[in-house]
Amino acid sequence: MPKRILQGRVVSDKNEQTIVVDVERRFRHPVLKKTLRKSKKYHAHDVNNSASVGDLVRIQECAPLSKLKRWELISD
């Protein structure tokens, strides 16, 4: 099964080799037919500490690296 790839914006890079990425998704409400936006934060592994706050990045699923980290940075 292929690994999921998400795109989002870095909201925190304070931890060593870890970034927090805010991923937003848009969908249409089934009854109201209004377009809604929902966002979720993911902790991702950044080996070189290359990403900084505000960067648009892509992250990919990986094996668990810690309690919260299940994603890794693939491009800045």
N, C-alpha and C. Protein backbone atom coordinates (compact mmCIF):
# COMPACT_ATOMS: atom_id res chain seq x y z
N MET A 1 0.84 -1.17 0.00
CA MET A 1 0.00 0.00 0.00
C MET A 1 0.90 1.25 0.00
N PRO A 2 0.59 2.24 -0.86
CA PRO A 2 1.45 3.42 -0.93
C PRO A 2 1.31 4.30 0.31
N LYS A 3 2.38 5.01 0.60
CA LYS A 3 2.38 5.90 1.76
C LYS A 3 1.66 7.19 1.40
N ARG A 4 0.90 7.74 2.35
CA ARG A 4 0.19 8.99 2.12
C ARG A 4 1.17 10.16 2.14
N ILE A 5 0.91 11.14 1.29
CA ILE A 5 1.70 12.36 1.25
C ILE A 5 0.75 13.53 1.47
N LEU A 6 1.09 14.41 2.42
CA LEU A 6 0.27 15.58 2.72
C LEU A 6 1.11 16.84 2.54
N GLN A 7 0.42 17.95 2.26
CA GLN A 7 1.09 19.23 2.11
C GLN A 7 0.51 20.20 3.12
N GLY A 8 1.37 20.95 3.78
CA GLY A 8 0.90 21.89 4.78
C GLY A 8 1.95 22.93 5.11
N ARG A 9 1.63 23.76 6.10
CA ARG A 9 2.50 24.86 6.50
C ARG A 9 3.09 24.59 7.88
N VAL A 10 4.38 24.86 8.03
CA VAL A 10 5.07 24.64 9.30
C VAL A 10 4.63 25.71 10.30
N VAL A 11 4.13 25.27 11.46
CA VAL A 11 3.70 26.21 12.49
C VAL A 11 4.65 26.23 13.69
N SER A 12 5.54 25.23 13.81
CA SER A 12 6.51 25.22 14.90
C SER A 12 7.73 24.41 14.49
N ASP A 13 8.91 24.92 14.85
CA ASP A 13 10.16 24.18 14.60
C ASP A 13 11.06 24.26 15.84
N LYS A 14 10.45 24.41 17.01
CA LYS A 14 11.22 24.60 18.24
C LYS A 14 11.91 23.34 18.73
N ASN A 15 11.37 22.16 18.42
CA ASN A 15 11.98 20.92 18.89
C ASN A 15 13.11 20.50 17.96
N GLU A 16 14.05 19.76 18.52
CA GLU A 16 15.18 19.26 17.74
C GLU A 16 14.71 18.16 16.80
N GLN A 17 14.97 18.32 15.49
CA GLN A 17 14.62 17.37 14.43
C GLN A 17 13.11 17.09 14.34
N THR A 18 12.29 18.02 14.79
CA THR A 18 10.84 17.84 14.73
C THR A 18 10.20 19.14 14.28
N ILE A 19 9.23 19.03 13.37
CA ILE A 19 8.43 20.19 12.99
C ILE A 19 6.96 19.84 13.18
N VAL A 20 6.14 20.86 13.39
CA VAL A 20 4.70 20.67 13.49
C VAL A 20 4.10 21.30 12.24
N VAL A 21 3.35 20.48 11.48
CA VAL A 21 2.80 20.92 10.21
C VAL A 21 1.28 20.97 10.31
N ASP A 22 0.70 22.11 9.91
CA ASP A 22 -0.74 22.30 9.91
C ASP A 22 -1.26 22.00 8.50
N VAL A 23 -2.04 20.92 8.38
CA VAL A 23 -2.58 20.50 7.08
C VAL A 23 -4.06 20.84 7.05
N GLU A 24 -4.46 21.58 6.01
CA GLU A 24 -5.85 22.01 5.87
C GLU A 24 -6.52 21.22 4.76
N ARG A 25 -7.75 20.80 5.01
CA ARG A 25 -8.52 20.11 3.97
C ARG A 25 -9.84 20.82 3.78
N ARG A 26 -10.34 20.82 2.56
CA ARG A 26 -11.62 21.45 2.24
C ARG A 26 -12.59 20.38 1.78
N PHE A 27 -13.85 20.53 2.19
CA PHE A 27 -14.86 19.58 1.79
C PHE A 27 -16.21 20.27 1.79
N ARG A 28 -17.15 19.71 1.07
CA ARG A 28 -18.48 20.27 0.99
C ARG A 28 -19.38 19.59 2.02
N HIS A 29 -20.12 20.39 2.78
CA HIS A 29 -21.03 19.87 3.80
C HIS A 29 -22.14 19.08 3.10
N PRO A 30 -22.45 17.86 3.57
CA PRO A 30 -23.41 17.02 2.86
C PRO A 30 -24.84 17.59 2.81
N VAL A 31 -25.24 18.34 3.81
CA VAL A 31 -26.61 18.87 3.85
C VAL A 31 -26.65 20.33 3.39
N LEU A 32 -25.76 21.15 3.95
CA LEU A 32 -25.79 22.58 3.67
C LEU A 32 -25.13 22.97 2.35
N LYS A 33 -24.34 22.06 1.78
CA LYS A 33 -23.63 22.29 0.51
C LYS A 33 -22.66 23.46 0.59
N LYS A 34 -22.20 23.75 1.79
CA LYS A 34 -21.26 24.84 1.98
C LYS A 34 -19.85 24.26 2.06
N THR A 35 -18.87 24.95 1.49
CA THR A 35 -17.49 24.49 1.56
C THR A 35 -16.91 24.83 2.93
N LEU A 36 -16.41 23.82 3.62
CA LEU A 36 -15.84 23.98 4.95
C LEU A 36 -14.35 23.70 4.92
N ARG A 37 -13.63 24.29 5.87
CA ARG A 37 -12.20 24.05 6.01
C ARG A 37 -11.93 23.46 7.38
N LYS A 38 -11.17 22.37 7.41
CA LYS A 38 -10.74 21.77 8.67
C LYS A 38 -9.23 21.61 8.61
N SER A 39 -8.58 21.79 9.74
CA SER A 39 -7.14 21.64 9.77
C SER A 39 -6.74 20.69 10.89
N LYS A 40 -5.59 20.08 10.70
CA LYS A 40 -5.06 19.14 11.69
C LYS A 40 -3.55 19.32 11.73
N LYS A 41 -2.97 19.16 12.92
CA LYS A 41 -1.54 19.31 13.07
C LYS A 41 -0.87 17.94 13.15
N TYR A 42 0.24 17.80 12.44
CA TYR A 42 1.02 16.57 12.42
C TYR A 42 2.45 16.88 12.86
N HIS A 43 3.03 16.00 13.66
CA HIS A 43 4.44 16.12 14.03
C HIS A 43 5.24 15.31 13.02
N ALA A 44 6.25 15.95 12.43
CA ALA A 44 7.04 15.29 11.39
C ALA A 44 8.53 15.35 11.74
N HIS A 45 9.27 14.35 11.27
CA HIS A 45 10.71 14.23 11.52
C HIS A 45 11.46 15.03 10.46
N ASP A 46 12.30 15.96 10.92
CA ASP A 46 13.11 16.81 10.03
C ASP A 46 14.57 16.58 10.41
N VAL A 47 15.24 15.69 9.67
CA VAL A 47 16.58 15.25 10.03
C VAL A 47 17.57 16.41 10.09
N ASN A 48 17.55 17.30 9.09
CA ASN A 48 18.56 18.36 8.99
C ASN A 48 18.12 19.68 9.61
N ASN A 49 16.97 19.72 10.24
CA ASN A 49 16.41 20.97 10.77
C ASN A 49 16.35 22.04 9.70
N SER A 50 15.94 21.67 8.49
CA SER A 50 15.96 22.58 7.35
C SER A 50 14.70 23.43 7.24
N ALA A 51 13.58 22.97 7.75
CA ALA A 51 12.31 23.70 7.62
C ALA A 51 12.19 24.73 8.74
N SER A 52 11.59 25.87 8.40
CA SER A 52 11.35 26.89 9.40
C SER A 52 9.89 27.30 9.38
N VAL A 53 9.45 28.06 10.36
CA VAL A 53 8.05 28.45 10.50
C VAL A 53 7.60 29.22 9.25
N GLY A 54 6.43 28.84 8.73
CA GLY A 54 5.87 29.50 7.56
C GLY A 54 6.17 28.81 6.25
N ASP A 55 7.08 27.84 6.24
CA ASP A 55 7.42 27.12 5.00
C ASP A 55 6.28 26.21 4.58
N LEU A 56 6.08 26.07 3.28
CA LEU A 56 5.13 25.11 2.72
C LEU A 56 5.90 23.82 2.46
N VAL A 57 5.52 22.72 3.13
CA VAL A 57 6.29 21.48 3.05
C VAL A 57 5.37 20.30 2.71
N ARG A 58 6.01 19.21 2.27
CA ARG A 58 5.31 17.95 2.03
C ARG A 58 5.84 16.92 3.02
N ILE A 59 4.92 16.16 3.62
CA ILE A 59 5.31 15.13 4.58
C ILE A 59 4.75 13.79 4.13
N GLN A 60 5.42 12.72 4.54
CA GLN A 60 5.04 11.37 4.12
C GLN A 60 4.96 10.47 5.34
N GLU A 61 4.03 9.52 5.30
CA GLU A 61 3.88 8.55 6.38
C GLU A 61 5.16 7.75 6.56
N CYS A 62 5.44 7.35 7.79
CA CYS A 62 6.57 6.47 8.06
C CYS A 62 6.26 5.65 9.32
N ALA A 63 7.16 4.77 9.65
CA ALA A 63 7.00 3.98 10.88
C ALA A 63 7.12 4.91 12.08
N PRO A 64 6.49 4.57 13.20
CA PRO A 64 6.55 5.44 14.37
C PRO A 64 7.99 5.71 14.83
N LEU A 65 8.30 7.00 15.01
CA LEU A 65 9.63 7.40 15.46
C LEU A 65 9.63 7.81 16.92
N SER A 66 8.47 8.21 17.43
CA SER A 66 8.32 8.56 18.83
C SER A 66 6.84 8.50 19.17
N LYS A 67 6.47 9.02 20.33
CA LYS A 67 5.07 8.97 20.75
C LYS A 67 4.15 9.67 19.76
N LEU A 68 4.57 10.80 19.22
CA LEU A 68 3.72 11.59 18.33
C LEU A 68 4.15 11.57 16.87
N LYS A 69 5.43 11.27 16.58
CA LYS A 69 5.93 11.39 15.22
C LYS A 69 5.68 10.12 14.40
N ARG A 70 4.83 10.26 13.38
CA ARG A 70 4.56 9.19 12.43
C ARG A 70 4.73 9.67 10.99
N TRP A 71 5.33 10.84 10.81
CA TRP A 71 5.50 11.46 9.49
C TRP A 71 6.94 11.93 9.36
N GLU A 72 7.41 12.03 8.10
CA GLU A 72 8.75 12.53 7.84
C GLU A 72 8.70 13.56 6.73
N LEU A 73 9.59 14.53 6.81
CA LEU A 73 9.66 15.60 5.82
C LEU A 73 10.29 15.05 4.55
N ILE A 74 9.64 15.30 3.38
CA ILE A 74 10.22 14.84 2.12
C ILE A 74 10.67 15.98 1.23
N SER A 75 10.09 17.18 1.38
CA SER A 75 10.55 18.32 0.59
C SER A 75 10.15 19.62 1.25
N ASP A 76 10.98 20.66 1.00
CA ASP A 76 10.70 21.99 1.54
C ASP A 76 9.88 22.78 0.53
